[in-house]
Amino acid sequence: MATRAYAGGEYRARRRPAARKRPAARRGASRVNLDRVGRIALTLVLAAVIYSYLNPAIDFVKTYTATTAAKAKLHVLLHENKRLHRRVQSSGDPIVVDREARAQGMVAAEETPFVVRP
């Protein structure tokens, strides 16, 4: 690029246009610090994400504890089921039938019932 121009047989130095003045940055309280605004926005977004995970985490803990309690209750009920199953299997035994009948106040056909009062 030429810095001189040819005008009628002689070279003249071209004048450069004056540099434009850039507006000075504002000084004082009205200036916005974008780094700080970005950090605050990022912190708020992070807090919102953590809050959105809070309810499912609480539900997970509740479900875990309920499952543990249900398993314990299942084992108790299985034990009771086995006991009742054995009782049903032995209910046809004549000794068991006689014992249950006497517990309800019944007497055998060949026996004579009587009441003892204190």
C-alpha atoms as a PDB file:
ATOM      1  CA  MET A   1       0.000   0.000   0.000  1.00  0.00           C
ATOM      2  CA  ALA A   2       1.261   3.309  -0.941  1.00  0.00           C
ATOM      3  CA  THR A   3       1.528   6.007   1.618  1.00  0.00           C
ATOM      4  CA  ARG A   4       2.216   8.591  -1.014  1.00  0.00           C
ATOM      5  CA  ALA A   5       0.082   9.574  -3.932  1.00  0.00           C
ATOM      6  CA  TYR A   6       1.263  10.795  -7.317  1.00  0.00           C
ATOM      7  CA  ALA A   7      -0.269  14.136  -8.202  1.00  0.00           C
ATOM      8  CA  GLY A   8       0.976  15.950 -11.296  1.00  0.00           C
ATOM      9  CA  GLY A   9       4.507  14.678 -11.359  1.00  0.00           C
ATOM     10  CA  GLU A  10       5.359  14.823  -7.701  1.00  0.00           C
ATOM     11  CA  TYR A  11       4.659  12.675  -4.756  1.00  0.00           C
ATOM     12  CA  ARG A  12       2.717  14.048  -1.832  1.00  0.00           C
ATOM     13  CA  ALA A  13       2.327  12.485   1.538  1.00  0.00           C
ATOM     14  CA  ARG A  14      -1.196  11.422   2.158  1.00  0.00           C
ATOM     15  CA  ARG A  15      -2.799  12.479   5.367  1.00  0.00           C
ATOM     16  CA  ARG A  16      -4.194   9.756   7.473  1.00  0.00           C
ATOM     17  CA  PRO A  17      -7.663  10.279   8.827  1.00  0.00           C
ATOM     18  CA  ALA A  18      -7.741  11.195  12.477  1.00  0.00           C
ATOM     19  CA  ALA A  19      -8.172   8.266  14.797  1.00  0.00           C
ATOM     20  CA  ARG A  20     -11.591   8.081  16.320  1.00  0.00           C
ATOM     21  CA  LYS A  21     -11.779   8.384  19.991  1.00  0.00           C
ATOM     22  CA  ARG A  22     -13.266   5.378  21.674  1.00  0.00           C
ATOM     23  CA  PRO A  23     -15.738   6.102  24.390  1.00  0.00           C
ATOM     24  CA  ALA A  24     -14.126   5.663  27.769  1.00  0.00           C
ATOM     25  CA  ALA A  25     -15.415   2.892  29.974  1.00  0.00           C
ATOM     26  CA  ARG A  26     -17.777   4.082  32.613  1.00  0.00           C
ATOM     27  CA  ARG A  27     -16.364   4.409  36.049  1.00  0.00           C
ATOM     28  CA  GLY A  28     -18.442   4.130  39.141  1.00  0.00           C
ATOM     29  CA  ALA A  29     -21.356   2.188  40.555  1.00  0.00           C
ATOM     30  CA  SER A  30     -23.352   1.853  37.342  1.00  0.00           C
ATOM     31  CA  ARG A  31     -20.814  -0.438  35.683  1.00  0.00           C
ATOM     32  CA  VAL A  32     -21.955  -4.082  35.432  1.00  0.00           C
ATOM     33  CA  ASN A  33     -19.369  -6.709  36.274  1.00  0.00           C
ATOM     34  CA  LEU A  34     -20.284  -9.565  33.924  1.00  0.00           C
ATOM     35  CA  ASP A  35     -17.981 -12.060  35.633  1.00  0.00           C
ATOM     36  CA  ARG A  36     -19.802 -11.609  38.895  1.00  0.00           C
ATOM     37  CA  VAL A  37     -23.232 -11.753  37.219  1.00  0.00           C
ATOM     38  CA  GLY A  38     -22.198 -14.961  35.463  1.00  0.00           C
ATOM     39  CA  ARG A  39     -21.029 -16.561  38.706  1.00  0.00           C
ATOM     40  CA  ILE A  40     -24.255 -15.610  40.463  1.00  0.00           C
ATOM     41  CA  ALA A  41     -26.357 -16.972  37.599  1.00  0.00           C
ATOM     42  CA  LEU A  42     -24.342 -20.201  37.570  1.00  0.00           C
ATOM     43  CA  THR A  43     -24.798 -20.553  41.336  1.00  0.00           C
ATOM     44  CA  LEU A  44     -28.562 -20.042  41.008  1.00  0.00           C
ATOM     45  CA  VAL A  45     -28.808 -22.623  38.225  1.00  0.00           C
ATOM     46  CA  LEU A  46     -26.761 -25.084  40.283  1.00  0.00           C
ATOM     47  CA  ALA A  47     -29.040 -24.499  43.289  1.00  0.00           C
ATOM     48  CA  ALA A  48     -32.115 -25.118  41.100  1.00  0.00           C
ATOM     49  CA  VAL A  49     -30.649 -28.383  39.787  1.00  0.00           C
ATOM     50  CA  ILE A  50     -29.810 -29.563  43.307  1.00  0.00           C
ATOM     51  CA  TYR A  51     -33.327 -28.643  44.458  1.00  0.00           C
ATOM     52  CA  SER A  52     -34.843 -30.597  41.568  1.00  0.00           C
ATOM     53  CA  TYR A  53     -32.904 -33.713  42.664  1.00  0.00           C
ATOM     54  CA  LEU A  54     -33.916 -33.292  46.318  1.00  0.00           C
ATOM     55  CA  ASN A  55     -37.481 -34.681  46.103  1.00  0.00           C
ATOM     56  CA  PRO A  56     -36.525 -37.839  44.148  1.00  0.00           C
ATOM     57  CA  ALA A  57     -33.690 -38.480  46.608  1.00  0.00           C
ATOM     58  CA  ILE A  58     -36.087 -38.221  49.558  1.00  0.00           C
ATOM     59  CA  ASP A  59     -38.523 -40.564  47.778  1.00  0.00           C
ATOM     60  CA  PHE A  60     -35.682 -43.037  47.183  1.00  0.00           C
ATOM     61  CA  VAL A  61     -34.784 -43.084  50.887  1.00  0.00           C
ATOM     62  CA  LYS A  62     -38.446 -43.529  51.866  1.00  0.00           C
ATOM     63  CA  THR A  63     -38.837 -46.375  49.382  1.00  0.00           C
ATOM     64  CA  TYR A  64     -35.667 -48.062  50.647  1.00  0.00           C
ATOM     65  CA  THR A  65     -36.800 -47.921  54.277  1.00  0.00           C
ATOM     66  CA  ALA A  66     -40.317 -49.095  53.351  1.00  0.00           C
ATOM     67  CA  THR A  67     -38.841 -52.005  51.402  1.00  0.00           C
ATOM     68  CA  THR A  68     -36.691 -53.009  54.368  1.00  0.00           C
ATOM     69  CA  ALA A  69     -39.717 -52.883  56.684  1.00  0.00           C
ATOM     70  CA  ALA A  70     -41.798 -54.861  54.183  1.00  0.00           C
ATOM     71  CA  LYS A  71     -39.112 -57.561  53.970  1.00  0.00           C
ATOM     72  CA  ALA A  72     -39.060 -57.874  57.760  1.00  0.00           C
ATOM     73  CA  LYS A  73     -42.858 -58.141  57.838  1.00  0.00           C
ATOM     74  CA  LEU A  74     -42.715 -60.735  55.047  1.00  0.00           C
ATOM     75  CA  HIS A  75     -40.401 -62.937  57.106  1.00  0.00           C
ATOM     76  CA  VAL A  76     -42.715 -62.679  60.135  1.00  0.00           C
ATOM     77  CA  LEU A  77     -45.741 -63.564  58.000  1.00  0.00           C
ATOM     78  CA  LEU A  78     -43.928 -66.493  56.363  1.00  0.00           C
ATOM     79  CA  HIS A  79     -43.085 -67.841  59.818  1.00  0.00           C
ATOM     80  CA  GLU A  80     -46.724 -67.471  60.908  1.00  0.00           C
ATOM     81  CA  ASN A  81     -47.888 -69.108  57.676  1.00  0.00           C
ATOM     82  CA  LYS A  82     -45.693 -72.148  58.335  1.00  0.00           C
ATOM     83  CA  ARG A  83     -47.019 -72.387  61.893  1.00  0.00           C
ATOM     84  CA  LEU A  84     -50.635 -72.174  60.720  1.00  0.00           C
ATOM     85  CA  HIS A  85     -49.971 -74.675  57.934  1.00  0.00           C
ATOM     86  CA  ARG A  86     -48.619 -77.179  60.470  1.00  0.00           C
ATOM     87  CA  ARG A  87     -51.676 -76.554  62.658  1.00  0.00           C
ATOM     88  CA  VAL A  88     -54.036 -77.202  59.727  1.00  0.00           C
ATOM     89  CA  GLN A  89     -52.156 -80.402  58.861  1.00  0.00           C
ATOM     90  CA  SER A  90     -52.428 -81.645  62.447  1.00  0.00           C
ATOM     91  CA  SER A  91     -56.100 -80.651  62.855  1.00  0.00           C
ATOM     92  CA  GLY A  92     -57.278 -84.049  61.602  1.00  0.00           C
ATOM     93  CA  ASP A  93     -55.421 -85.853  64.417  1.00  0.00           C
ATOM     94  CA  PRO A  94     -57.917 -87.206  67.037  1.00  0.00           C
ATOM     95  CA  ILE A  95     -55.781 -86.043  69.953  1.00  0.00           C
ATOM     96  CA  VAL A  96     -55.770 -82.471  68.662  1.00  0.00           C
ATOM     97  CA  VAL A  97     -59.516 -82.541  68.017  1.00  0.00           C
ATOM     98  CA  ASP A  98     -60.159 -83.813  71.562  1.00  0.00           C
ATOM     99  CA  ARG A  99     -57.904 -81.139  73.091  1.00  0.00           C
ATOM    100  CA  GLU A 100     -59.615 -78.304  71.131  1.00  0.00           C
ATOM    101  CA  ALA A 101     -63.078 -79.605  72.055  1.00  0.00           C
ATOM    102  CA  ARG A 102     -62.214 -79.729  75.756  1.00  0.00           C
ATOM    103  CA  ALA A 103     -60.787 -76.178  75.522  1.00  0.00           C
ATOM    104  CA  GLN A 104     -64.218 -75.044  74.286  1.00  0.00           C
ATOM    105  CA  GLY A 105     -66.007 -76.836  77.163  1.00  0.00           C
ATOM    106  CA  MET A 106     -67.243 -79.975  75.364  1.00  0.00           C
ATOM    107  CA  VAL A 107     -67.266 -83.473  76.843  1.00  0.00           C
ATOM    108  CA  ALA A 108     -67.070 -86.910  75.250  1.00  0.00           C
ATOM    109  CA  ALA A 109     -70.228 -88.968  74.717  1.00  0.00           C
ATOM    110  CA  GLU A 110     -69.408 -91.535  77.416  1.00  0.00           C
ATOM    111  CA  GLU A 111     -68.474 -88.901  80.029  1.00  0.00           C
ATOM    112  CA  THR A 112     -70.766 -87.302  82.571  1.00  0.00           C
ATOM    113  CA  PRO A 113     -70.426 -83.534  82.777  1.00  0.00           C
ATOM    114  CA  PHE A 114     -70.460 -81.777  86.154  1.00  0.00           C
ATOM    115  CA  VAL A 115     -69.671 -78.275  87.378  1.00  0.00           C
ATOM    116  CA  VAL A 116     -67.448 -77.568  90.375  1.00  0.00           C
ATOM    117  CA  ARG A 117     -68.174 -74.279  92.101  1.00  0.00           C
ATOM    118  CA  PRO A 118     -65.713 -72.780  94.525  1.00  0.00           C
END
